[in-house]
Amino acid sequence: EASAAGTIQISHATGWQATGHDPGSGVVLSVQGLTKRFGGLTAVSDASFEVRAGETLGLIGPNGAGKTTLFEMVGGFLAPDEGRVEYLGKDITSWGPERRAEAGLVRSFQNAEMFPTMTLGDAVRLSQERSIPPRLGESVLGLKGREKKRSAQASKLIGEFGLSSYADVPLGSFSTGTRRMAEMLCVLALGPNVLLLDEPFAGIPQGETDALAETLLEIKDEFGLTIVIIEHDVPLLARICDRMVALEAGSVVASGTPEEVQRDERVIESYIGSGV
């Protein structure tokens, strides 16, 4: 199995954390009173939060707290029973996931399926076809301008993740950590403005988790991304987030800086017995 451990060049190898900067660019994503019921079960109840430009917001909560259901509604994969989602000041509640992705609101999945025989380079170039679409005329005439542009940008992005040596390696041979990086690369190749990450560190060994987290911070800053991330590893999430929102039984019970949320009595009670 190919492994990414040790391949990433990090300039701040110790003491890395979110900068805690003040984005100052206003709200890019606003979730207002989202509610979702499945029969007699209320999975998400009146959930509200805002995300400012350039920040990383973490969503935490024990299993069954409604995190993934909330993400499904924000990403457009699930229609809310109540509430609305606004992106860049526009009500997008009725938009499907494709339209949201085209506008720059892109969601990753916890268990993304990737073609095991496709190489990393091919997967990233394919993902870029939304931002650099092929044109029929160029295909018929055999022109390679856009294809070269996609290849150049794919190589740069792969290099940013320290994975140049894996560009021609089939995805099926990657370790869990390297595959997670490949999945994130393909999502970034879509050209997101706001990136919704669903447990990107799940199943990754600790050494590779730290490397991926550091790389995520660097890529976020370089590409000017805004990130909303679900993660069960609360200490890890606290190190990379500017703010956190805690869910319990489908409702928001706390929000604020990572330190404030982790000290909240309702959050502590939610995690009693979970080892957090």
C-alpha atoms as a PDB file:
ATOM      1  CA  GLU A   1       0.000   0.000   0.000  1.00  0.00           C
ATOM      2  CA  ALA A   2       1.207   3.483  -0.828  1.00  0.00           C
ATOM      3  CA  SER A   3       1.429   5.762   2.202  1.00  0.00           C
ATOM      4  CA  ALA A   4       1.669   9.524   2.528  1.00  0.00           C
ATOM      5  CA  ALA A   5       3.330   9.473   5.922  1.00  0.00           C
ATOM      6  CA  GLY A   6       6.411  11.656   5.965  1.00  0.00           C
ATOM      7  CA  THR A   7       5.894  13.056   2.461  1.00  0.00           C
ATOM      8  CA  ILE A   8       4.526  16.475   3.418  1.00  0.00           C
ATOM      9  CA  GLN A   9       6.932  19.340   3.970  1.00  0.00           C
ATOM     10  CA  ILE A  10       5.672  21.435   6.893  1.00  0.00           C
ATOM     11  CA  SER A  11       7.368  24.657   7.960  1.00  0.00           C
ATOM     12  CA  HIS A  12       5.617  24.746  11.354  1.00  0.00           C
ATOM     13  CA  ALA A  13       6.089  21.156  12.480  1.00  0.00           C
ATOM     14  CA  THR A  14       5.347  21.867  16.145  1.00  0.00           C
ATOM     15  CA  GLY A  15       2.724  23.960  17.865  1.00  0.00           C
ATOM     16  CA  TRP A  16       0.538  24.255  14.781  1.00  0.00           C
ATOM     17  CA  GLN A  17      -2.962  25.644  15.247  1.00  0.00           C
ATOM     18  CA  ALA A  18      -5.532  27.928  13.652  1.00  0.00           C
ATOM     19  CA  THR A  19      -4.440  31.554  13.470  1.00  0.00           C
ATOM     20  CA  GLY A  20      -7.534  32.879  15.247  1.00  0.00           C
ATOM     21  CA  HIS A  21      -7.668  35.684  12.708  1.00  0.00           C
ATOM     22  CA  ASP A  22     -10.637  37.995  12.265  1.00  0.00           C
ATOM     23  CA  PRO A  23     -11.776  37.357   8.661  1.00  0.00           C
ATOM     24  CA  GLY A  24     -13.625  40.667   8.567  1.00  0.00           C
ATOM     25  CA  SER A  25     -15.197  39.823   5.212  1.00  0.00           C
ATOM     26  CA  GLY A  26     -18.699  39.138   6.439  1.00  0.00           C
ATOM     27  CA  VAL A  27     -20.888  36.058   6.587  1.00  0.00           C
ATOM     28  CA  VAL A  28     -20.623  33.685   3.622  1.00  0.00           C
ATOM     29  CA  LEU A  29     -22.881  30.902   4.938  1.00  0.00           C
ATOM     30  CA  SER A  30     -25.922  31.325   7.180  1.00  0.00           C
ATOM     31  CA  VAL A  31     -27.943  28.405   8.541  1.00  0.00           C
ATOM     32  CA  GLN A  32     -31.246  29.583  10.008  1.00  0.00           C
ATOM     33  CA  GLY A  33     -33.551  27.337  12.007  1.00  0.00           C
ATOM     34  CA  LEU A  34     -32.960  24.129  10.043  1.00  0.00           C
ATOM     35  CA  THR A  35     -35.216  21.295  11.157  1.00  0.00           C
ATOM     36  CA  LYS A  36     -35.522  17.756   9.774  1.00  0.00           C
ATOM     37  CA  ARG A  37     -37.922  15.047  10.889  1.00  0.00           C
ATOM     38  CA  PHE A  38     -38.004  11.391   9.922  1.00  0.00           C
ATOM     39  CA  GLY A  39     -41.435  10.160  10.963  1.00  0.00           C
ATOM     40  CA  GLY A  40     -41.672  10.748  14.693  1.00  0.00           C
ATOM     41  CA  LEU A  41     -37.918  11.371  15.058  1.00  0.00           C
ATOM     42  CA  THR A  42     -36.576  14.921  14.936  1.00  0.00           C
ATOM     43  CA  ALA A  43     -32.992  14.516  13.709  1.00  0.00           C
ATOM     44  CA  VAL A  44     -32.220  18.249  13.611  1.00  0.00           C
ATOM     45  CA  SER A  45     -34.199  20.876  15.515  1.00  0.00           C
ATOM     46  CA  ASP A  46     -34.027  24.617  14.843  1.00  0.00           C
ATOM     47  CA  ALA A  47     -30.265  24.595  14.180  1.00  0.00           C
ATOM     48  CA  SER A  48     -28.701  27.967  13.397  1.00  0.00           C
ATOM     49  CA  PHE A  49     -25.128  29.178  12.910  1.00  0.00           C
ATOM     50  CA  GLU A  50     -23.109  31.492  10.682  1.00  0.00           C
ATOM     51  CA  VAL A  51     -19.758  31.070   8.975  1.00  0.00           C
ATOM     52  CA  ARG A  52     -17.560  34.061   8.212  1.00  0.00           C
ATOM     53  CA  ALA A  53     -15.294  34.342   5.193  1.00  0.00           C
ATOM     54  CA  GLY A  54     -11.906  32.717   5.679  1.00  0.00           C
ATOM     55  CA  GLU A  55     -12.621  30.938   8.946  1.00  0.00           C
ATOM     56  CA  THR A  56     -12.691  27.280   9.896  1.00  0.00           C
ATOM     57  CA  LEU A  57     -15.807  26.259  11.819  1.00  0.00           C
ATOM     58  CA  GLY A  58     -15.970  22.882  13.533  1.00  0.00           C
ATOM     59  CA  LEU A  59     -19.174  20.940  14.220  1.00  0.00           C
ATOM     60  CA  ILE A  60     -19.002  18.516  17.129  1.00  0.00           C
ATOM     61  CA  GLY A  61     -21.412  16.256  18.950  1.00  0.00           C
ATOM     62  CA  PRO A  62     -21.751  12.624  20.056  1.00  0.00           C
ATOM     63  CA  ASN A  63     -23.041   9.944  17.695  1.00  0.00           C
ATOM     64  CA  GLY A  64     -26.656  10.636  16.776  1.00  0.00           C
ATOM     65  CA  ALA A  65     -26.389  14.373  17.489  1.00  0.00           C
ATOM     66  CA  GLY A  66     -27.539  15.238  13.950  1.00  0.00           C
ATOM     67  CA  LYS A  67     -24.234  16.453  12.473  1.00  0.00           C
ATOM     68  CA  THR A  68     -24.411  14.521   9.210  1.00  0.00           C
ATOM     69  CA  THR A  69     -28.121  15.259   8.711  1.00  0.00           C
ATOM     70  CA  LEU A  70     -27.354  18.950   9.176  1.00  0.00           C
ATOM     71  CA  PHE A  71     -24.532  18.690   6.622  1.00  0.00           C
ATOM     72  CA  GLU A  72     -26.879  16.962   4.186  1.00  0.00           C
ATOM     73  CA  MET A  73     -29.244  19.927   4.365  1.00  0.00           C
ATOM     74  CA  VAL A  74     -26.473  22.531   4.071  1.00  0.00           C
ATOM     75  CA  GLY A  75     -25.048  20.680   1.055  1.00  0.00           C
ATOM     76  CA  GLY A  76     -28.442  20.377  -0.644  1.00  0.00           C
ATOM     77  CA  PHE A  77     -28.677  16.596  -0.486  1.00  0.00           C
ATOM     78  CA  LEU A  78     -31.609  16.701   1.928  1.00  0.00           C
ATOM     79  CA  ALA A  79     -34.487  19.197   1.987  1.00  0.00           C
ATOM     80  CA  PRO A  80     -35.243  20.710   5.413  1.00  0.00           C
ATOM     81  CA  ASP A  81     -38.744  20.619   6.849  1.00  0.00           C
ATOM     82  CA  GLU A  82     -38.194  24.101   8.250  1.00  0.00           C
ATOM     83  CA  GLY A  83     -35.555  26.804   8.062  1.00  0.00           C
ATOM     84  CA  ARG A  84     -33.324  28.163   5.337  1.00  0.00           C
ATOM     85  CA  VAL A  85     -29.754  28.225   4.078  1.00  0.00           C
ATOM     86  CA  GLU A  86     -28.188  31.419   2.751  1.00  0.00           C
ATOM     87  CA  TYR A  87     -24.936  31.522   0.799  1.00  0.00           C
ATOM     88  CA  LEU A  88     -23.284  34.842  -0.030  1.00  0.00           C
ATOM     89  CA  GLY A  89     -26.502  36.578   1.022  1.00  0.00           C
ATOM     90  CA  LYS A  90     -28.738  34.509  -1.300  1.00  0.00           C
ATOM     91  CA  ASP A  91     -31.405  32.052  -0.179  1.00  0.00           C
ATOM     92  CA  ILE A  92     -30.287  28.702  -1.649  1.00  0.00           C
ATOM     93  CA  THR A  93     -32.630  26.441   0.349  1.00  0.00           C
ATOM     94  CA  SER A  94     -34.294  25.187  -2.827  1.00  0.00           C
ATOM     95  CA  TRP A  95     -31.008  24.601  -4.690  1.00  0.00           C
ATOM     96  CA  GLY A  96     -29.794  21.076  -5.316  1.00  0.00           C
ATOM     97  CA  PRO A  97     -26.218  19.944  -4.563  1.00  0.00           C
ATOM     98  CA  GLU A  98     -25.039  20.430  -8.154  1.00  0.00           C
ATOM     99  CA  ARG A  99     -26.124  24.058  -8.249  1.00  0.00           C
ATOM    100  CA  ARG A 100     -24.565  24.704  -4.840  1.00  0.00           C
ATOM    101  CA  ALA A 101     -21.299  23.122  -5.985  1.00  0.00           C
ATOM    102  CA  GLU A 102     -21.303  25.239  -9.126  1.00  0.00           C
ATOM    103  CA  ALA A 103     -21.650  28.322  -6.900  1.00  0.00           C
ATOM    104  CA  GLY A 104     -18.672  27.196  -4.795  1.00  0.00           C
ATOM    105  CA  LEU A 105     -20.372  25.440  -1.851  1.00  0.00           C
ATOM    106  CA  VAL A 106     -18.827  21.965  -2.048  1.00  0.00           C
ATOM    107  CA  ARG A 107     -19.322  19.023   0.276  1.00  0.00           C
ATOM    108  CA  SER A 108     -17.056  16.008   0.800  1.00  0.00           C
ATOM    109  CA  PHE A 109     -18.299  12.635   2.041  1.00  0.00           C
ATOM    110  CA  GLN A 110     -17.082  10.463   4.881  1.00  0.00           C
ATOM    111  CA  ASN A 111     -16.858   7.398   2.635  1.00  0.00           C
ATOM    112  CA  ALA A 112     -16.304   8.727  -0.880  1.00  0.00           C
ATOM    113  CA  GLU A 113     -16.104   6.093  -3.600  1.00  0.00           C
ATOM    114  CA  MET A 114     -13.213   6.529  -6.024  1.00  0.00           C
ATOM    115  CA  PHE A 115     -12.325   4.413  -9.061  1.00  0.00           C
ATOM    116  CA  PRO A 116      -9.529   2.141  -7.776  1.00  0.00           C
ATOM    117  CA  THR A 117      -7.865   1.771 -11.196  1.00  0.00           C
ATOM    118  CA  MET A 118      -7.772   5.545 -11.872  1.00  0.00           C
ATOM    119  CA  THR A 119      -4.511   7.314 -11.073  1.00  0.00           C
ATOM    120  CA  LEU A 120      -4.361  10.265  -8.716  1.00  0.00           C
ATOM    121  CA  GLY A 121      -3.451  12.593 -11.577  1.00  0.00           C
ATOM    122  CA  ASP A 122      -6.388  11.440 -13.697  1.00  0.00           C
ATOM    123  CA  ALA A 123      -8.811  11.810 -10.766  1.00  0.00           C
ATOM    124  CA  VAL A 124      -7.721  15.391 -10.062  1.00  0.00           C
ATOM    125  CA  ARG A 125      -7.825  16.353 -13.756  1.00  0.00           C
ATOM    126  CA  LEU A 126     -11.315  14.883 -14.066  1.00  0.00           C
ATOM    127  CA  SER A 127     -12.465  16.894 -11.041  1.00  0.00           C
ATOM    128  CA  GLN A 128     -11.211  20.075 -12.691  1.00  0.00           C
ATOM    129  CA  GLU A 129     -13.642  19.745 -15.588  1.00  0.00           C
ATOM    130  CA  ARG A 130     -16.166  21.856 -13.670  1.00  0.00           C
ATOM    131  CA  SER A 131     -13.815  24.826 -13.368  1.00  0.00           C
ATOM    132  CA  ILE A 132     -11.997  24.231 -16.673  1.00  0.00           C
ATOM    133  CA  PRO A 133     -14.633  22.439 -18.815  1.00  0.00           C
ATOM    134  CA  PRO A 134     -13.659  20.812 -22.123  1.00  0.00           C
ATOM    135  CA  ARG A 135     -15.096  22.351 -25.266  1.00  0.00           C
ATOM    136  CA  LEU A 136     -16.538  20.346 -28.137  1.00  0.00           C
ATOM    137  CA  GLY A 137     -14.715  22.367 -30.770  1.00  0.00           C
ATOM    138  CA  GLU A 138     -11.372  21.807 -29.110  1.00  0.00           C
ATOM    139  CA  SER A 139     -12.034  18.076 -28.851  1.00  0.00           C
ATOM    140  CA  VAL A 140     -13.005  17.804 -32.523  1.00  0.00           C
ATOM    141  CA  LEU A 141     -10.020  19.851 -33.709  1.00  0.00           C
ATOM    142  CA  GLY A 142      -7.594  18.111 -31.420  1.00  0.00           C
ATOM    143  CA  LEU A 143      -6.640  21.302 -29.550  1.00  0.00           C
ATOM    144  CA  LYS A 144      -4.978  20.746 -26.190  1.00  0.00           C
ATOM    145  CA  GLY A 145      -5.034  24.187 -24.538  1.00  0.00           C
ATOM    146  CA  ARG A 146      -7.505  23.438 -21.760  1.00  0.00           C
ATOM    147  CA  GLU A 147      -6.179  19.935 -21.292  1.00  0.00           C
ATOM    148  CA  LYS A 148      -2.687  21.360 -20.702  1.00  0.00           C
ATOM    149  CA  LYS A 149      -4.095  23.911 -18.278  1.00  0.00           C
ATOM    150  CA  ARG A 150      -5.886  21.184 -16.312  1.00  0.00           C
ATOM    151  CA  SER A 151      -2.736  19.081 -16.220  1.00  0.00           C
ATOM    152  CA  ALA A 152      -0.612  21.990 -15.027  1.00  0.00           C
ATOM    153  CA  GLN A 153      -3.042  22.932 -12.269  1.00  0.00           C
ATOM    154  CA  ALA A 154      -3.490  19.294 -11.244  1.00  0.00           C
ATOM    155  CA  SER A 155       0.288  18.862 -10.942  1.00  0.00           C
ATOM    156  CA  LYS A 156       0.540  22.011  -8.825  1.00  0.00           C
ATOM    157  CA  LEU A 157      -2.267  20.923  -6.517  1.00  0.00           C
ATOM    158  CA  ILE A 158      -0.836  17.424  -6.129  1.00  0.00           C
ATOM    159  CA  GLY A 159       2.540  18.965  -5.348  1.00  0.00           C
ATOM    160  CA  GLU A 160       0.989  21.178  -2.663  1.00  0.00           C
ATOM    161  CA  PHE A 161      -0.062  17.987  -0.860  1.00  0.00           C
ATOM    162  CA  GLY A 162       3.411  16.468  -1.240  1.00  0.00           C
ATOM    163  CA  LEU A 163       2.013  13.664  -3.383  1.00  0.00           C
ATOM    164  CA  SER A 164       3.828  14.229  -6.698  1.00  0.00           C
ATOM    165  CA  SER A 165       5.407  10.785  -6.510  1.00  0.00           C
ATOM    166  CA  TYR A 166       1.876   9.287  -6.386  1.00  0.00           C
ATOM    167  CA  ALA A 167       0.498  11.105  -9.429  1.00  0.00           C
ATOM    168  CA  ASP A 168       0.626   7.992 -11.629  1.00  0.00           C
ATOM    169  CA  VAL A 169      -0.274   5.486  -8.911  1.00  0.00           C
ATOM    170  CA  PRO A 170      -3.726   3.794  -9.010  1.00  0.00           C
ATOM    171  CA  LEU A 171      -5.993   4.993  -6.200  1.00  0.00           C
ATOM    172  CA  GLY A 172      -6.772   1.423  -5.189  1.00  0.00           C
ATOM    173  CA  SER A 173      -3.216   0.963  -3.876  1.00  0.00           C
ATOM    174  CA  PHE A 174      -3.304   3.958  -1.525  1.00  0.00           C
ATOM    175  CA  SER A 175      -3.334   3.676   2.258  1.00  0.00           C
ATOM    176  CA  THR A 176      -6.312   5.127   4.110  1.00  0.00           C
ATOM    177  CA  GLY A 177      -4.474   8.354   4.865  1.00  0.00           C
ATOM    178  CA  THR A 178      -3.252   8.830   1.300  1.00  0.00           C
ATOM    179  CA  ARG A 179      -6.715   8.056  -0.076  1.00  0.00           C
ATOM    180  CA  ARG A 180      -8.204  10.706   2.214  1.00  0.00           C
ATOM    181  CA  MET A 181      -5.722  13.198   0.807  1.00  0.00           C
ATOM    182  CA  ALA A 182      -6.670  12.130  -2.721  1.00  0.00           C
ATOM    183  CA  GLU A 183     -10.348  12.668  -1.921  1.00  0.00           C
ATOM    184  CA  MET A 184      -9.594  16.133  -0.566  1.00  0.00           C
ATOM    185  CA  LEU A 185      -7.507  16.943  -3.637  1.00  0.00           C
ATOM    186  CA  CYS A 186     -10.427  16.086  -5.918  1.00  0.00           C
ATOM    187  CA  VAL A 187     -12.779  18.260  -3.859  1.00  0.00           C
ATOM    188  CA  LEU A 188     -10.320  21.173  -4.002  1.00  0.00           C
ATOM    189  CA  ALA A 189     -10.004  20.707  -7.759  1.00  0.00           C
ATOM    190  CA  LEU A 190     -13.697  21.612  -8.023  1.00  0.00           C
ATOM    191  CA  GLY A 191     -12.732  25.173  -7.075  1.00  0.00           C
ATOM    192  CA  PRO A 192     -14.725  25.574  -3.830  1.00  0.00           C
ATOM    193  CA  ASN A 193     -15.277  28.800  -1.945  1.00  0.00           C
ATOM    194  CA  VAL A 194     -16.807  27.101   1.095  1.00  0.00           C
ATOM    195  CA  LEU A 195     -15.724  23.527   1.785  1.00  0.00           C
ATOM    196  CA  LEU A 196     -17.889  21.171   3.881  1.00  0.00           C
ATOM    197  CA  LEU A 197     -15.717  18.331   5.200  1.00  0.00           C
ATOM    198  CA  ASP A 198     -17.376  15.294   6.784  1.00  0.00           C
ATOM    199  CA  GLU A 199     -14.886  13.526   9.094  1.00  0.00           C
ATOM    200  CA  PRO A 200     -11.835  13.784   6.803  1.00  0.00           C
ATOM    201  CA  PHE A 201      -9.582  12.230   9.456  1.00  0.00           C
ATOM    202  CA  ALA A 202     -11.708   9.131  10.123  1.00  0.00           C
ATOM    203  CA  GLY A 203      -9.751   5.884  10.030  1.00  0.00           C
ATOM    204  CA  ILE A 204      -6.354   7.534   9.571  1.00  0.00           C
ATOM    205  CA  PRO A 205      -3.361   6.612  11.794  1.00  0.00           C
ATOM    206  CA  GLN A 206      -2.329   9.368  14.212  1.00  0.00           C
ATOM    207  CA  GLY A 207       0.871  10.246  12.369  1.00  0.00           C
ATOM    208  CA  GLU A 208      -0.928  10.757   9.075  1.00  0.00           C
ATOM    209  CA  THR A 209      -3.790  12.580  10.806  1.00  0.00           C
ATOM    210  CA  ASP A 210      -1.422  15.274  12.065  1.00  0.00           C
ATOM    211  CA  ALA A 211       0.166  15.627   8.624  1.00  0.00           C
ATOM    212  CA  LEU A 212      -3.215  15.919   6.901  1.00  0.00           C
ATOM    213  CA  ALA A 213      -4.447  18.477   9.433  1.00  0.00           C
ATOM    214  CA  GLU A 214      -1.374  20.647   8.935  1.00  0.00           C
ATOM    215  CA  THR A 215      -1.697  20.370   5.165  1.00  0.00           C
ATOM    216  CA  LEU A 216      -5.368  21.334   5.379  1.00  0.00           C
ATOM    217  CA  LEU A 217      -4.449  24.543   7.204  1.00  0.00           C
ATOM    218  CA  GLU A 218      -1.818  25.433   4.626  1.00  0.00           C
ATOM    219  CA  ILE A 219      -4.082  24.697   1.656  1.00  0.00           C
ATOM    220  CA  LYS A 220      -6.915  26.666   3.270  1.00  0.00           C
ATOM    221  CA  ASP A 221      -4.759  29.753   3.586  1.00  0.00           C
ATOM    222  CA  GLU A 222      -3.213  29.453   0.123  1.00  0.00           C
ATOM    223  CA  PHE A 223      -6.549  28.978  -1.654  1.00  0.00           C
ATOM    224  CA  GLY A 224      -8.501  31.408   0.535  1.00  0.00           C
ATOM    225  CA  LEU A 225     -11.033  28.777   1.588  1.00  0.00           C
ATOM    226  CA  THR A 226     -13.759  28.884   4.203  1.00  0.00           C
ATOM    227  CA  ILE A 227     -14.189  25.489   5.867  1.00  0.00           C
ATOM    228  CA  VAL A 228     -16.932  23.818   7.898  1.00  0.00           C
ATOM    229  CA  ILE A 229     -15.782  20.485   9.285  1.00  0.00           C
ATOM    230  CA  ILE A 230     -17.343  17.605  11.213  1.00  0.00           C
ATOM    231  CA  GLU A 231     -14.895  15.621  13.291  1.00  0.00           C
ATOM    232  CA  HIS A 232     -15.102  13.300  16.308  1.00  0.00           C
ATOM    233  CA  ASP A 233     -11.546  14.050  17.446  1.00  0.00           C
ATOM    234  CA  VAL A 234     -12.402  17.173  19.450  1.00  0.00           C
ATOM    235  CA  PRO A 235      -8.831  18.021  20.593  1.00  0.00           C
ATOM    236  CA  LEU A 236      -7.610  17.803  16.989  1.00  0.00           C
ATOM    237  CA  LEU A 237     -10.527  19.881  15.741  1.00  0.00           C
ATOM    238  CA  ALA A 238      -9.904  22.502  18.417  1.00  0.00           C
ATOM    239  CA  ARG A 239      -6.377  22.962  17.099  1.00  0.00           C
ATOM    240  CA  ILE A 240      -7.465  23.768  13.551  1.00  0.00           C
ATOM    241  CA  CYS A 241     -10.726  25.688  14.095  1.00  0.00           C
ATOM    242  CA  ASP A 242     -11.394  29.362  14.726  1.00  0.00           C
ATOM    243  CA  ARG A 243     -14.830  28.580  16.202  1.00  0.00           C
ATOM    244  CA  MET A 244     -16.856  25.507  17.112  1.00  0.00           C
ATOM    245  CA  VAL A 245     -20.558  24.638  17.244  1.00  0.00           C
ATOM    246  CA  ALA A 246     -21.751  21.764  19.441  1.00  0.00           C
ATOM    247  CA  LEU A 247     -24.862  19.700  18.697  1.00  0.00           C
ATOM    248  CA  GLU A 248     -26.825  17.518  21.076  1.00  0.00           C
ATOM    249  CA  ALA A 249     -29.966  15.620  20.041  1.00  0.00           C
ATOM    250  CA  GLY A 250     -30.211  17.695  16.884  1.00  0.00           C
ATOM    251  CA  SER A 251     -30.002  21.092  18.573  1.00  0.00           C
ATOM    252  CA  VAL A 252     -27.173  23.603  18.890  1.00  0.00           C
ATOM    253  CA  VAL A 253     -26.201  23.665  22.576  1.00  0.00           C
ATOM    254  CA  ALA A 254     -23.017  25.757  22.442  1.00  0.00           C
ATOM    255  CA  SER A 255     -20.972  27.912  20.069  1.00  0.00           C
ATOM    256  CA  GLY A 256     -17.866  30.036  20.392  1.00  0.00           C
ATOM    257  CA  THR A 257     -14.114  29.620  20.427  1.00  0.00           C
ATOM    258  CA  PRO A 258     -12.798  26.053  20.839  1.00  0.00           C
ATOM    259  CA  GLU A 259     -11.868  26.852  24.442  1.00  0.00           C
ATOM    260  CA  GLU A 260     -15.323  28.233  25.261  1.00  0.00           C
ATOM    261  CA  VAL A 261     -17.158  25.289  23.711  1.00  0.00           C
ATOM    262  CA  GLN A 262     -14.985  22.658  25.375  1.00  0.00           C
ATOM    263  CA  ARG A 263     -15.593  24.285  28.775  1.00  0.00           C
ATOM    264  CA  ASP A 264     -19.374  24.466  28.282  1.00  0.00           C
ATOM    265  CA  GLU A 265     -21.169  22.279  30.845  1.00  0.00           C
ATOM    266  CA  ARG A 266     -23.686  21.021  28.276  1.00  0.00           C
ATOM    267  CA  VAL A 267     -20.872  19.908  25.972  1.00  0.00           C
ATOM    268  CA  ILE A 268     -19.018  18.190  28.806  1.00  0.00           C
ATOM    269  CA  GLU A 269     -22.207  16.377  29.780  1.00  0.00           C
ATOM    270  CA  SER A 270     -22.769  15.256  26.161  1.00  0.00           C
ATOM    271  CA  TYR A 271     -19.357  13.614  26.084  1.00  0.00           C
ATOM    272  CA  ILE A 272     -19.364  11.964  29.513  1.00  0.00           C
ATOM    273  CA  GLY A 273     -18.147   8.422  29.012  1.00  0.00           C
ATOM    274  CA  SER A 274     -16.929   9.107  25.463  1.00  0.00           C
ATOM    275  CA  GLY A 275     -13.330   9.698  26.456  1.00  0.00           C
ATOM    276  CA  VAL A 276     -13.335  13.311  25.222  1.00  0.00           C
END
